């Protein structure tokens, strides 16, 4: 599933999440085992092994879309 966020796109599957930023052509990637979704603020947090980054998804709709695509529950 492709989700548009401010500045780029999130490509989410049950196995991994990729974030592609348009302006600087940077890509972040993480396996879903290393991802948490936080409800307030709407954050995608990747933390596991050598992966450590976080991203504001901008809206509750985007957060719900990532949750549905990956099967990851949102922590409130």
Protein backbone atom coordinates (compact mmCIF):
# COMPACT_ATOMS: atom_id res chain seq x y z
CA UNK A 1 0.00 0.00 0.00
CA UNK A 2 1.29 3.47 -0.87
CA UNK A 3 0.44 6.27 1.57
CA UNK A 4 1.20 9.91 0.76
CA UNK A 5 2.70 11.88 3.65
CA UNK A 6 4.04 15.44 3.80
CA UNK A 7 7.28 15.36 1.78
CA UNK A 8 7.05 11.84 0.40
CA UNK A 9 5.45 8.41 0.42
CA UNK A 10 5.26 5.42 2.74
CA UNK A 11 5.19 2.01 1.05
CA UNK A 12 3.91 -0.53 3.58
CA UNK A 13 3.51 -4.31 3.39
CA UNK A 14 3.15 -7.01 6.02
CA UNK A 15 6.93 -7.59 5.77
CA UNK A 16 8.49 -4.13 5.56
CA UNK A 17 7.98 -0.38 5.44
CA UNK A 18 9.85 1.98 3.11
CA UNK A 19 9.69 5.76 3.34
CA UNK A 20 10.71 7.68 0.22
CA UNK A 21 11.27 11.41 0.54
CA UNK A 22 10.79 13.39 -2.67
CA UNK A 23 12.96 16.43 -2.10
CA UNK A 24 16.26 14.81 -1.13
CA UNK A 25 15.61 11.35 -2.66
CA UNK A 26 16.33 9.65 0.66
CA UNK A 27 14.84 6.25 1.50
CA UNK A 28 14.33 4.72 4.96
CA UNK A 29 13.52 1.02 5.28
CA UNK A 30 12.72 -1.32 8.16
CA UNK A 31 11.21 -4.76 8.69
CA UNK A 32 7.80 -4.73 10.37
CA UNK A 33 9.25 -6.64 13.36
CA UNK A 34 11.26 -3.48 14.16
CA UNK A 35 8.35 -1.02 13.85
CA UNK A 36 5.96 0.51 16.39
CA UNK A 37 3.05 2.85 15.66
CA UNK A 38 2.27 5.52 18.22
CA UNK A 39 -1.16 7.14 18.28
CA UNK A 40 -0.50 10.61 19.68
CA UNK A 41 1.32 12.13 17.90
CA UNK A 42 0.91 9.95 14.80
CA UNK A 43 4.39 8.42 14.66
CA UNK A 44 6.04 5.49 12.91
CA UNK A 45 9.02 4.38 14.99
CA UNK A 46 11.64 1.95 13.67
CA UNK A 47 13.96 0.58 16.34
CA UNK A 48 15.77 -2.75 16.15
CA UNK A 49 19.31 -3.93 15.55
CA UNK A 50 21.04 -1.16 13.63
CA UNK A 51 17.76 0.53 12.63
CA UNK A 52 16.77 3.59 14.65
CA UNK A 53 14.55 6.31 13.16
CA UNK A 54 11.12 7.86 13.60
CA UNK A 55 8.72 9.70 11.34
CA UNK A 56 5.60 11.78 11.83
CA UNK A 57 2.85 10.39 9.59
CA UNK A 58 0.96 13.69 9.65
CA UNK A 59 -2.55 12.37 10.28
CA UNK A 60 -4.62 9.70 11.96
CA UNK A 61 -5.73 8.46 8.52
CA UNK A 62 -2.11 7.81 7.49
CA UNK A 63 -1.42 6.05 10.80
CA UNK A 64 -4.46 3.81 10.34
CA UNK A 65 -3.47 3.02 6.75
CA UNK A 66 0.03 1.90 7.82
CA UNK A 67 -1.51 -0.16 10.62
CA UNK A 68 -3.88 -1.89 8.21
CA UNK A 69 -1.17 -2.58 5.61
CA UNK A 70 1.35 -3.98 8.10
CA UNK A 71 -0.90 -5.58 10.71
CA UNK A 72 0.85 -3.56 13.46
CA UNK A 73 -1.39 -2.40 16.30
CA UNK A 74 -1.35 1.29 17.21
CA UNK A 75 -0.15 2.06 20.73
CA UNK A 76 -2.27 4.77 22.32
